[in-house]
Amino acid sequence: MNALWAALRHEWRLLLVAVQFLTRIPVNARALGGAWDPAWLQACLRHFPWVGAIVGTWAAAVTWLAAQWWPPAVAVLLGMAATVWLTGGFHEDGWADTCDGLGGAVDRQKALTIMKDSRLGTYGALGLILLLATKAAILIEMASPRITELNPSSEIQRVLLLWTGVGLVWCHAASRAVPVWLTGMLPYAGDEAHAKAKPLALQVSRMQVVLTLLSVLGVALIIWAVFRWSGWPLGTLGQAMGRSAVVMALVAWVCGRWFRRRLGGFTGDTLGASQQLAEVAGLLAWLSVIHPVG
């Protein structure tokens, strides 16, 4: 029993490390036991999907509350702004740097040098604008009733907001497994000696990847249980989650091939880029089930 309790305390500590790494949420040093082990930074990767679920829940809550006073477009933008604030634009920054480095026809070393530059270039600016605009368009379409769906007694607005919120939680959580998978499949392509977080510059074990995927499964089971308890359609949920999971897995595979061909492996920036691409792709797949054309 003591061993089980110690293991649970350690996993809780790793979850707090993941929260501290991926968000602005303050973590008290006493909650970590007053000590620090650099190995925790790599071990906490398996909890990234849970942090994603926290971020997605925050985005869904802000969007829902804002929608009580403003139209869906305004609510979505406020929800996105709140999400960027919570994460400090951590993954978005990686996407912009990756666009700068890999947007042009440059060799591997030049691309890595560009990605280390803190200045935002043309490719990075365009990539960031297009990514955020695409994400906003998906969420606005998901949350907005069409004229043909409206009638005086319709609750379609509330239903669409709920489905949008669940999609945010799921896609934020599942997409954060993509960079973990890439660290298990690819070598580190940058300068390991100057990596900002050296434990993350090491290739993680396959077991760590498996544990991360189990975290995604845990999030999926919680969402399924909530739907079952509330009486919502499990068939539609399964189709939406399944389709988005397949699309995000495809994004992971494409990113793996892309980063290996251009850089010989991954960097911190490309991990952030892969999460953003997977999140947008997952939301697109979710939209195709929840609010299809026609």
C-alpha atoms as a PDB file:
ATOM      1  CA  MET A   1       0.000   0.000   0.000  1.00  0.00           C
ATOM      2  CA  ASN A   2       2.852   2.360   0.812  1.00  0.00           C
ATOM      3  CA  ALA A   3       4.429   1.633  -2.560  1.00  0.00           C
ATOM      4  CA  LEU A   4       1.141   2.368  -4.339  1.00  0.00           C
ATOM      5  CA  TRP A   5       0.705   5.646  -2.469  1.00  0.00           C
ATOM      6  CA  ALA A   6       4.295   6.652  -3.285  1.00  0.00           C
ATOM      7  CA  ALA A   7       3.690   5.879  -6.978  1.00  0.00           C
ATOM      8  CA  LEU A   8       0.499   7.953  -7.032  1.00  0.00           C
ATOM      9  CA  ARG A   9       2.260  10.872  -5.337  1.00  0.00           C
ATOM     10  CA  HIS A  10       5.031  10.675  -7.927  1.00  0.00           C
ATOM     11  CA  GLU A  11       2.538  10.718 -10.823  1.00  0.00           C
ATOM     12  CA  TRP A  12       0.803  13.723  -9.240  1.00  0.00           C
ATOM     13  CA  ARG A  13       4.189  15.448  -9.021  1.00  0.00           C
ATOM     14  CA  LEU A  14       4.847  14.693 -12.694  1.00  0.00           C
ATOM     15  CA  LEU A  15       1.429  16.085 -13.635  1.00  0.00           C
ATOM     16  CA  LEU A  16       2.275  19.333 -11.815  1.00  0.00           C
ATOM     17  CA  VAL A  17       5.611  19.493 -13.648  1.00  0.00           C
ATOM     18  CA  ALA A  18       3.752  19.103 -16.962  1.00  0.00           C
ATOM     19  CA  VAL A  19       1.315  21.857 -15.961  1.00  0.00           C
ATOM     20  CA  GLN A  20       4.212  24.127 -15.026  1.00  0.00           C
ATOM     21  CA  PHE A  21       5.999  23.409 -18.314  1.00  0.00           C
ATOM     22  CA  LEU A  22       3.043  23.863 -20.682  1.00  0.00           C
ATOM     23  CA  THR A  23       1.033  26.642 -19.014  1.00  0.00           C
ATOM     24  CA  ARG A  24       1.241  29.783 -16.917  1.00  0.00           C
ATOM     25  CA  ILE A  25      -0.527  28.075 -14.001  1.00  0.00           C
ATOM     26  CA  PRO A  26       1.725  28.584 -10.942  1.00  0.00           C
ATOM     27  CA  VAL A  27       2.909  25.447  -9.162  1.00  0.00           C
ATOM     28  CA  ASN A  28       4.043  25.753  -5.556  1.00  0.00           C
ATOM     29  CA  ALA A  29       7.500  24.314  -4.931  1.00  0.00           C
ATOM     30  CA  ARG A  30       6.166  22.518  -1.858  1.00  0.00           C
ATOM     31  CA  ALA A  31       3.766  20.601  -4.111  1.00  0.00           C
ATOM     32  CA  LEU A  32       6.825  19.122  -5.831  1.00  0.00           C
ATOM     33  CA  GLY A  33       8.253  17.978  -2.528  1.00  0.00           C
ATOM     34  CA  GLY A  34      10.738  20.840  -2.272  1.00  0.00           C
ATOM     35  CA  ALA A  35      13.145  19.080  -4.646  1.00  0.00           C
ATOM     36  CA  TRP A  36      13.825  18.951  -8.371  1.00  0.00           C
ATOM     37  CA  ASP A  37      15.023  16.151 -10.595  1.00  0.00           C
ATOM     38  CA  PRO A  38      15.744  17.027 -14.268  1.00  0.00           C
ATOM     39  CA  ALA A  39      14.529  13.553 -15.225  1.00  0.00           C
ATOM     40  CA  TRP A  40      11.012  14.588 -14.219  1.00  0.00           C
ATOM     41  CA  LEU A  41      10.805  16.859 -17.244  1.00  0.00           C
ATOM     42  CA  GLN A  42      11.019  13.922 -19.619  1.00  0.00           C
ATOM     43  CA  ALA A  43       8.930  11.632 -17.421  1.00  0.00           C
ATOM     44  CA  CYS A  44       6.107  14.192 -17.278  1.00  0.00           C
ATOM     45  CA  LEU A  45       5.511  13.884 -21.039  1.00  0.00           C
ATOM     46  CA  ARG A  46       3.000  11.122 -20.417  1.00  0.00           C
ATOM     47  CA  HIS A  47       0.777  13.660 -18.664  1.00  0.00           C
ATOM     48  CA  PHE A  48       0.748  16.163 -21.552  1.00  0.00           C
ATOM     49  CA  PRO A  49      -2.727  15.009 -22.720  1.00  0.00           C
ATOM     50  CA  TRP A  50      -4.128  15.701 -19.236  1.00  0.00           C
ATOM     51  CA  VAL A  51      -2.702  19.209 -19.368  1.00  0.00           C
ATOM     52  CA  GLY A  52      -4.235  19.549 -22.815  1.00  0.00           C
ATOM     53  CA  ALA A  53      -7.598  18.551 -21.322  1.00  0.00           C
ATOM     54  CA  ILE A  54      -7.185  21.292 -18.698  1.00  0.00           C
ATOM     55  CA  VAL A  55      -6.385  23.857 -21.400  1.00  0.00           C
ATOM     56  CA  GLY A  56      -9.287  22.654 -23.533  1.00  0.00           C
ATOM     57  CA  THR A  57     -11.670  22.853 -20.574  1.00  0.00           C
ATOM     58  CA  TRP A  58     -10.519  26.413 -19.924  1.00  0.00           C
ATOM     59  CA  ALA A  59     -11.091  27.325 -23.594  1.00  0.00           C
ATOM     60  CA  ALA A  60     -14.522  25.697 -23.577  1.00  0.00           C
ATOM     61  CA  ALA A  61     -15.550  27.441 -20.343  1.00  0.00           C
ATOM     62  CA  VAL A  62     -14.499  30.902 -21.536  1.00  0.00           C
ATOM     63  CA  THR A  63     -16.208  30.365 -24.897  1.00  0.00           C
ATOM     64  CA  TRP A  64     -19.402  29.163 -23.216  1.00  0.00           C
ATOM     65  CA  LEU A  65     -19.529  32.071 -20.773  1.00  0.00           C
ATOM     66  CA  ALA A  66     -18.762  34.641 -23.471  1.00  0.00           C
ATOM     67  CA  ALA A  67     -21.521  33.175 -25.656  1.00  0.00           C
ATOM     68  CA  GLN A  68     -24.078  34.107 -22.998  1.00  0.00           C
ATOM     69  CA  TRP A  69     -23.519  37.789 -23.854  1.00  0.00           C
ATOM     70  CA  TRP A  70     -22.012  37.924 -27.342  1.00  0.00           C
ATOM     71  CA  PRO A  71     -22.376  36.187 -30.731  1.00  0.00           C
ATOM     72  CA  PRO A  72     -20.443  32.920 -31.373  1.00  0.00           C
ATOM     73  CA  ALA A  73     -17.696  34.660 -33.363  1.00  0.00           C
ATOM     74  CA  VAL A  74     -16.875  36.978 -30.462  1.00  0.00           C
ATOM     75  CA  ALA A  75     -17.111  34.131 -27.940  1.00  0.00           C
ATOM     76  CA  VAL A  76     -14.729  31.954 -29.976  1.00  0.00           C
ATOM     77  CA  LEU A  77     -12.139  34.720 -30.316  1.00  0.00           C
ATOM     78  CA  LEU A  78     -12.305  35.442 -26.580  1.00  0.00           C
ATOM     79  CA  GLY A  79     -11.889  31.734 -25.875  1.00  0.00           C
ATOM     80  CA  MET A  80      -8.859  31.560 -28.165  1.00  0.00           C
ATOM     81  CA  ALA A  81      -7.343  34.650 -26.542  1.00  0.00           C
ATOM     82  CA  ALA A  82      -7.846  33.120 -23.097  1.00  0.00           C
ATOM     83  CA  THR A  83      -6.156  29.914 -24.269  1.00  0.00           C
ATOM     84  CA  VAL A  84      -3.144  31.752 -25.668  1.00  0.00           C
ATOM     85  CA  TRP A  85      -2.869  33.646 -22.391  1.00  0.00           C
ATOM     86  CA  LEU A  86      -3.001  30.428 -20.339  1.00  0.00           C
ATOM     87  CA  THR A  87      -0.300  28.708 -22.410  1.00  0.00           C
ATOM     88  CA  GLY A  88       1.763  31.805 -23.172  1.00  0.00           C
ATOM     89  CA  GLY A  89       1.465  30.963 -26.876  1.00  0.00           C
ATOM     90  CA  PHE A  90       3.911  28.114 -26.222  1.00  0.00           C
ATOM     91  CA  HIS A  91       2.948  25.902 -29.166  1.00  0.00           C
ATOM     92  CA  GLU A  92       2.009  28.791 -31.438  1.00  0.00           C
ATOM     93  CA  ASP A  93       5.545  30.144 -31.055  1.00  0.00           C
ATOM     94  CA  GLY A  94       6.944  26.789 -32.139  1.00  0.00           C
ATOM     95  CA  TRP A  95       4.677  26.771 -35.186  1.00  0.00           C
ATOM     96  CA  ALA A  96       5.779  30.269 -36.212  1.00  0.00           C
ATOM     97  CA  ASP A  97       9.478  29.408 -35.815  1.00  0.00           C
ATOM     98  CA  THR A  98       8.988  26.184 -37.779  1.00  0.00           C
ATOM     99  CA  CYS A  99       7.327  28.112 -40.618  1.00  0.00           C
ATOM    100  CA  ASP A 100      10.268  30.520 -40.690  1.00  0.00           C
ATOM    101  CA  GLY A 101      12.833  27.721 -40.713  1.00  0.00           C
ATOM    102  CA  LEU A 102      11.165  25.298 -43.102  1.00  0.00           C
ATOM    103  CA  GLY A 103       9.157  27.726 -45.232  1.00  0.00           C
ATOM    104  CA  GLY A 104      12.037  28.502 -47.560  1.00  0.00           C
ATOM    105  CA  ALA A 105      14.339  26.273 -49.598  1.00  0.00           C
ATOM    106  CA  VAL A 106      17.295  26.269 -47.216  1.00  0.00           C
ATOM    107  CA  ASP A 107      19.562  23.488 -46.000  1.00  0.00           C
ATOM    108  CA  ARG A 108      19.284  21.799 -42.602  1.00  0.00           C
ATOM    109  CA  GLN A 109      21.836  23.952 -40.769  1.00  0.00           C
ATOM    110  CA  LYS A 110      20.408  27.204 -42.108  1.00  0.00           C
ATOM    111  CA  ALA A 111      16.887  26.113 -41.113  1.00  0.00           C
ATOM    112  CA  LEU A 112      18.033  25.348 -37.563  1.00  0.00           C
ATOM    113  CA  THR A 113      19.765  28.738 -37.341  1.00  0.00           C
ATOM    114  CA  ILE A 114      16.627  30.549 -38.523  1.00  0.00           C
ATOM    115  CA  MET A 115      14.486  28.689 -36.003  1.00  0.00           C
ATOM    116  CA  LYS A 116      16.744  29.816 -33.148  1.00  0.00           C
ATOM    117  CA  ASP A 117      16.276  33.468 -34.129  1.00  0.00           C
ATOM    118  CA  SER A 118      13.780  35.124 -31.787  1.00  0.00           C
ATOM    119  CA  ARG A 119      12.622  37.515 -34.519  1.00  0.00           C
ATOM    120  CA  LEU A 120       9.453  36.670 -36.445  1.00  0.00           C
ATOM    121  CA  GLY A 121       9.909  36.381 -40.191  1.00  0.00           C
ATOM    122  CA  THR A 122       7.501  36.541 -43.112  1.00  0.00           C
ATOM    123  CA  TYR A 123       6.817  32.802 -43.221  1.00  0.00           C
ATOM    124  CA  GLY A 124       6.280  32.712 -39.469  1.00  0.00           C
ATOM    125  CA  ALA A 125       3.880  35.666 -39.500  1.00  0.00           C
ATOM    126  CA  LEU A 126       1.889  34.276 -42.416  1.00  0.00           C
ATOM    127  CA  GLY A 127       1.810  30.795 -40.917  1.00  0.00           C
ATOM    128  CA  LEU A 128       0.628  32.069 -37.539  1.00  0.00           C
ATOM    129  CA  ILE A 129      -2.081  34.290 -39.044  1.00  0.00           C
ATOM    130  CA  LEU A 130      -3.385  31.509 -41.279  1.00  0.00           C
ATOM    131  CA  LEU A 131      -3.321  28.910 -38.493  1.00  0.00           C
ATOM    132  CA  LEU A 132      -5.206  31.088 -35.999  1.00  0.00           C
ATOM    133  CA  ALA A 133      -7.651  32.261 -38.673  1.00  0.00           C
ATOM    134  CA  THR A 134      -8.357  28.661 -39.695  1.00  0.00           C
ATOM    135  CA  LYS A 135      -8.872  27.611 -36.087  1.00  0.00           C
ATOM    136  CA  ALA A 136     -11.213  30.556 -35.479  1.00  0.00           C
ATOM    137  CA  ALA A 137     -13.200  29.811 -38.641  1.00  0.00           C
ATOM    138  CA  ILE A 138     -13.647  26.148 -37.631  1.00  0.00           C
ATOM    139  CA  LEU A 139     -14.808  26.989 -34.106  1.00  0.00           C
ATOM    140  CA  ILE A 140     -17.131  29.773 -35.269  1.00  0.00           C
ATOM    141  CA  GLU A 141     -18.741  27.470 -37.824  1.00  0.00           C
ATOM    142  CA  MET A 142     -19.024  24.737 -35.202  1.00  0.00           C
ATOM    143  CA  ALA A 143     -20.729  27.013 -32.683  1.00  0.00           C
ATOM    144  CA  SER A 144     -22.985  28.951 -35.056  1.00  0.00           C
ATOM    145  CA  PRO A 145     -26.462  27.678 -36.030  1.00  0.00           C
ATOM    146  CA  ARG A 146     -27.404  27.911 -39.664  1.00  0.00           C
ATOM    147  CA  ILE A 147     -30.624  29.692 -40.619  1.00  0.00           C
ATOM    148  CA  THR A 148     -32.296  26.409 -41.569  1.00  0.00           C
ATOM    149  CA  GLU A 149     -31.629  25.033 -38.082  1.00  0.00           C
ATOM    150  CA  LEU A 150     -33.330  27.880 -36.228  1.00  0.00           C
ATOM    151  CA  ASN A 151     -36.893  27.957 -34.956  1.00  0.00           C
ATOM    152  CA  PRO A 152     -38.499  29.699 -31.981  1.00  0.00           C
ATOM    153  CA  SER A 153     -38.167  26.676 -29.675  1.00  0.00           C
ATOM    154  CA  SER A 154     -34.788  25.427 -30.881  1.00  0.00           C
ATOM    155  CA  GLU A 155     -31.961  24.848 -28.411  1.00  0.00           C
ATOM    156  CA  ILE A 156     -29.467  24.327 -31.221  1.00  0.00           C
ATOM    157  CA  GLN A 157     -27.227  27.160 -30.008  1.00  0.00           C
ATOM    158  CA  ARG A 158     -26.732  25.512 -26.613  1.00  0.00           C
ATOM    159  CA  VAL A 159     -26.221  22.092 -28.195  1.00  0.00           C
ATOM    160  CA  LEU A 160     -23.622  23.393 -30.645  1.00  0.00           C
ATOM    161  CA  LEU A 161     -21.756  25.212 -27.878  1.00  0.00           C
ATOM    162  CA  LEU A 162     -21.607  22.012 -25.842  1.00  0.00           C
ATOM    163  CA  TRP A 163     -20.300  20.010 -28.795  1.00  0.00           C
ATOM    164  CA  THR A 164     -17.763  22.763 -29.477  1.00  0.00           C
ATOM    165  CA  GLY A 165     -16.602  22.634 -25.864  1.00  0.00           C
ATOM    166  CA  VAL A 166     -16.192  18.859 -25.933  1.00  0.00           C
ATOM    167  CA  GLY A 167     -14.287  19.138 -29.206  1.00  0.00           C
ATOM    168  CA  LEU A 168     -11.918  21.658 -27.632  1.00  0.00           C
ATOM    169  CA  VAL A 169     -11.240  19.405 -24.649  1.00  0.00           C
ATOM    170  CA  TRP A 170     -10.682  16.334 -26.837  1.00  0.00           C
ATOM    171  CA  CYS A 171      -8.536  17.961 -29.521  1.00  0.00           C
ATOM    172  CA  HIS A 172      -6.379  19.872 -27.035  1.00  0.00           C
ATOM    173  CA  ALA A 173      -5.774  16.635 -25.126  1.00  0.00           C
ATOM    174  CA  ALA A 174      -5.209  14.232 -28.024  1.00  0.00           C
ATOM    175  CA  SER A 175      -3.072  16.653 -30.054  1.00  0.00           C
ATOM    176  CA  ARG A 176      -0.550  16.881 -27.217  1.00  0.00           C
ATOM    177  CA  ALA A 177       0.241  13.200 -27.686  1.00  0.00           C
ATOM    178  CA  VAL A 178       1.590  13.973 -31.167  1.00  0.00           C
ATOM    179  CA  PRO A 179       4.806  15.744 -30.047  1.00  0.00           C
ATOM    180  CA  VAL A 180       5.411  13.006 -27.484  1.00  0.00           C
ATOM    181  CA  TRP A 181       5.070  10.377 -30.217  1.00  0.00           C
ATOM    182  CA  LEU A 182       7.537  12.302 -32.380  1.00  0.00           C
ATOM    183  CA  THR A 183      10.119  12.422 -29.565  1.00  0.00           C
ATOM    184  CA  GLY A 184       9.846   8.640 -29.374  1.00  0.00           C
ATOM    185  CA  MET A 185      10.177   8.093 -33.120  1.00  0.00           C
ATOM    186  CA  LEU A 186      12.792  10.703 -34.097  1.00  0.00           C
ATOM    187  CA  PRO A 187      16.219  11.757 -32.826  1.00  0.00           C
ATOM    188  CA  TYR A 188      16.858  15.300 -31.618  1.00  0.00           C
ATOM    189  CA  ALA A 189      17.989  17.445 -34.546  1.00  0.00           C
ATOM    190  CA  GLY A 190      19.253  20.531 -32.727  1.00  0.00           C
ATOM    191  CA  ASP A 191      22.268  21.280 -30.590  1.00  0.00           C
ATOM    192  CA  GLU A 192      21.664  19.156 -27.498  1.00  0.00           C
ATOM    193  CA  ALA A 193      24.210  21.089 -25.439  1.00  0.00           C
ATOM    194  CA  HIS A 194      22.253  24.331 -25.919  1.00  0.00           C
ATOM    195  CA  ALA A 195      18.736  22.921 -25.744  1.00  0.00           C
ATOM    196  CA  LYS A 196      16.460  24.985 -23.514  1.00  0.00           C
ATOM    197  CA  ALA A 197      15.142  21.847 -21.837  1.00  0.00           C
ATOM    198  CA  LYS A 198      17.848  19.212 -22.162  1.00  0.00           C
ATOM    199  CA  PRO A 199      15.803  16.234 -20.904  1.00  0.00           C
ATOM    200  CA  LEU A 200      13.381  16.863 -23.775  1.00  0.00           C
ATOM    201  CA  ALA A 201      16.295  16.783 -26.228  1.00  0.00           C
ATOM    202  CA  LEU A 202      16.674  13.076 -25.541  1.00  0.00           C
ATOM    203  CA  GLN A 203      14.683  10.485 -27.420  1.00  0.00           C
ATOM    204  CA  VAL A 204      12.001   9.155 -25.074  1.00  0.00           C
ATOM    205  CA  SER A 205      11.319   5.471 -24.584  1.00  0.00           C
ATOM    206  CA  ARG A 206       8.541   3.626 -26.368  1.00  0.00           C
ATOM    207  CA  MET A 207       6.995   2.932 -22.951  1.00  0.00           C
ATOM    208  CA  GLN A 208       6.692   6.688 -22.387  1.00  0.00           C
ATOM    209  CA  VAL A 209       4.827   6.968 -25.695  1.00  0.00           C
ATOM    210  CA  VAL A 210       2.513   4.108 -24.704  1.00  0.00           C
ATOM    211  CA  LEU A 211       1.774   5.753 -21.341  1.00  0.00           C
ATOM    212  CA  THR A 212       0.976   9.020 -23.151  1.00  0.00           C
ATOM    213  CA  LEU A 213      -1.483   7.244 -25.426  1.00  0.00           C
ATOM    214  CA  LEU A 214      -3.057   5.678 -22.337  1.00  0.00           C
ATOM    215  CA  SER A 215      -3.529   9.197 -20.966  1.00  0.00           C
ATOM    216  CA  VAL A 216      -5.383  10.087 -24.163  1.00  0.00           C
ATOM    217  CA  LEU A 217      -7.512   6.983 -23.666  1.00  0.00           C
ATOM    218  CA  GLY A 218      -8.208   8.109 -20.102  1.00  0.00           C
ATOM    219  CA  VAL A 219      -9.480  11.472 -21.317  1.00  0.00           C
ATOM    220  CA  ALA A 220     -11.640   9.709 -23.914  1.00  0.00           C
ATOM    221  CA  LEU A 221     -13.161   7.432 -21.261  1.00  0.00           C
ATOM    222  CA  ILE A 222     -14.027  10.383 -19.032  1.00  0.00           C
ATOM    223  CA  ILE A 223     -15.747  12.176 -21.928  1.00  0.00           C
ATOM    224  CA  TRP A 224     -17.592   8.952 -22.817  1.00  0.00           C
ATOM    225  CA  ALA A 225     -18.708   8.476 -19.200  1.00  0.00           C
ATOM    226  CA  VAL A 226     -20.035  12.045 -19.011  1.00  0.00           C
ATOM    227  CA  PHE A 227     -21.979  11.540 -22.249  1.00  0.00           C
ATOM    228  CA  ARG A 228     -23.388   8.218 -21.062  1.00  0.00           C
ATOM    229  CA  TRP A 229     -24.469   9.752 -17.754  1.00  0.00           C
ATOM    230  CA  SER A 230     -26.080  12.781 -19.414  1.00  0.00           C
ATOM    231  CA  GLY A 231     -27.834  10.778 -22.126  1.00  0.00           C
ATOM    232  CA  TRP A 232     -26.087  12.418 -25.062  1.00  0.00           C
ATOM    233  CA  PRO A 233     -25.609  10.431 -28.315  1.00  0.00           C
ATOM    234  CA  LEU A 234     -22.665   8.082 -27.872  1.00  0.00           C
ATOM    235  CA  GLY A 235     -22.690   7.091 -31.536  1.00  0.00           C
ATOM    236  CA  THR A 236     -22.052  10.646 -32.704  1.00  0.00           C
ATOM    237  CA  LEU A 237     -19.395  11.078 -30.022  1.00  0.00           C
ATOM    238  CA  GLY A 238     -17.617   7.898 -31.078  1.00  0.00           C
ATOM    239  CA  GLN A 239     -17.661   8.926 -34.728  1.00  0.00           C
ATOM    240  CA  ALA A 240     -16.334  12.419 -33.952  1.00  0.00           C
ATOM    241  CA  MET A 241     -13.590  11.187 -31.631  1.00  0.00           C
ATOM    242  CA  GLY A 242     -12.614   8.350 -33.933  1.00  0.00           C
ATOM    243  CA  ARG A 243     -12.433  10.483 -37.069  1.00  0.00           C
ATOM    244  CA  SER A 244     -10.432  13.223 -35.328  1.00  0.00           C
ATOM    245  CA  ALA A 245      -8.075  10.667 -33.766  1.00  0.00           C
ATOM    246  CA  VAL A 246      -7.339   9.131 -37.174  1.00  0.00           C
ATOM    247  CA  VAL A 247      -6.706  12.551 -38.703  1.00  0.00           C
ATOM    248  CA  MET A 248      -4.380  13.560 -35.847  1.00  0.00           C
ATOM    249  CA  ALA A 249      -2.480  10.285 -36.214  1.00  0.00           C
ATOM    250  CA  LEU A 250      -2.071  11.052 -39.922  1.00  0.00           C
ATOM    251  CA  VAL A 251      -0.724  14.514 -39.052  1.00  0.00           C
ATOM    252  CA  ALA A 252       1.781  12.897 -36.685  1.00  0.00           C
ATOM    253  CA  TRP A 253       2.973  10.573 -39.459  1.00  0.00           C
ATOM    254  CA  VAL A 254       3.273  13.404 -42.000  1.00  0.00           C
ATOM    255  CA  CYS A 255       5.149  15.621 -39.529  1.00  0.00           C
ATOM    256  CA  GLY A 256       7.499  12.764 -38.713  1.00  0.00           C
ATOM    257  CA  ARG A 257       8.416  12.293 -42.349  1.00  0.00           C
ATOM    258  CA  TRP A 258       8.680  16.069 -42.916  1.00  0.00           C
ATOM    259  CA  PHE A 259      10.945  16.739 -39.948  1.00  0.00           C
ATOM    260  CA  ARG A 260      13.142  13.725 -40.665  1.00  0.00           C
ATOM    261  CA  ARG A 261      13.615  14.738 -44.298  1.00  0.00           C
ATOM    262  CA  ARG A 262      14.285  18.430 -43.640  1.00  0.00           C
ATOM    263  CA  LEU A 263      16.064  18.365 -40.264  1.00  0.00           C
ATOM    264  CA  GLY A 264      16.989  14.768 -39.556  1.00  0.00           C
ATOM    265  CA  GLY A 265      14.795  14.760 -36.450  1.00  0.00           C
ATOM    266  CA  PHE A 266      12.784  17.010 -34.151  1.00  0.00           C
ATOM    267  CA  THR A 267      13.407  20.250 -32.274  1.00  0.00           C
ATOM    268  CA  GLY A 268      11.350  21.960 -29.592  1.00  0.00           C
ATOM    269  CA  ASP A 269       9.850  24.277 -32.198  1.00  0.00           C
ATOM    270  CA  THR A 270       8.750  21.451 -34.480  1.00  0.00           C
ATOM    271  CA  LEU A 271       7.090  19.696 -31.537  1.00  0.00           C
ATOM    272  CA  GLY A 272       4.988  22.806 -30.929  1.00  0.00           C
ATOM    273  CA  ALA A 273       4.208  23.003 -34.635  1.00  0.00           C
ATOM    274  CA  SER A 274       3.061  19.380 -34.727  1.00  0.00           C
ATOM    275  CA  GLN A 275       0.669  19.975 -31.814  1.00  0.00           C
ATOM    276  CA  GLN A 276      -0.893  22.987 -33.508  1.00  0.00           C
ATOM    277  CA  LEU A 277      -1.312  21.180 -36.826  1.00  0.00           C
ATOM    278  CA  ALA A 278      -2.844  18.159 -35.092  1.00  0.00           C
ATOM    279  CA  GLU A 279      -5.220  20.334 -33.072  1.00  0.00           C
ATOM    280  CA  VAL A 280      -6.514  22.170 -36.146  1.00  0.00           C
ATOM    281  CA  ALA A 281      -6.820  18.931 -38.135  1.00  0.00           C
ATOM    282  CA  GLY A 282      -8.668  17.292 -35.242  1.00  0.00           C
ATOM    283  CA  LEU A 283     -11.091  20.208 -35.006  1.00  0.00           C
ATOM    284  CA  LEU A 284     -11.708  20.021 -38.756  1.00  0.00           C
ATOM    285  CA  ALA A 285     -12.569  16.338 -38.446  1.00  0.00           C
ATOM    286  CA  TRP A 286     -14.774  17.055 -35.426  1.00  0.00           C
ATOM    287  CA  LEU A 287     -16.617  19.747 -37.394  1.00  0.00           C
ATOM    288  CA  SER A 288     -17.253  17.361 -40.292  1.00  0.00           C
ATOM    289  CA  VAL A 289     -19.204  15.089 -37.919  1.00  0.00           C
ATOM    290  CA  ILE A 290     -20.880  17.568 -35.579  1.00  0.00           C
ATOM    291  CA  HIS A 291     -21.890  20.258 -38.063  1.00  0.00           C
ATOM    292  CA  PRO A 292     -21.495  18.914 -41.603  1.00  0.00           C
ATOM    293  CA  VAL A 293     -22.482  20.892 -44.665  1.00  0.00           C
ATOM    294  CA  GLY A 294     -26.046  20.080 -45.671  1.00  0.00           C
END
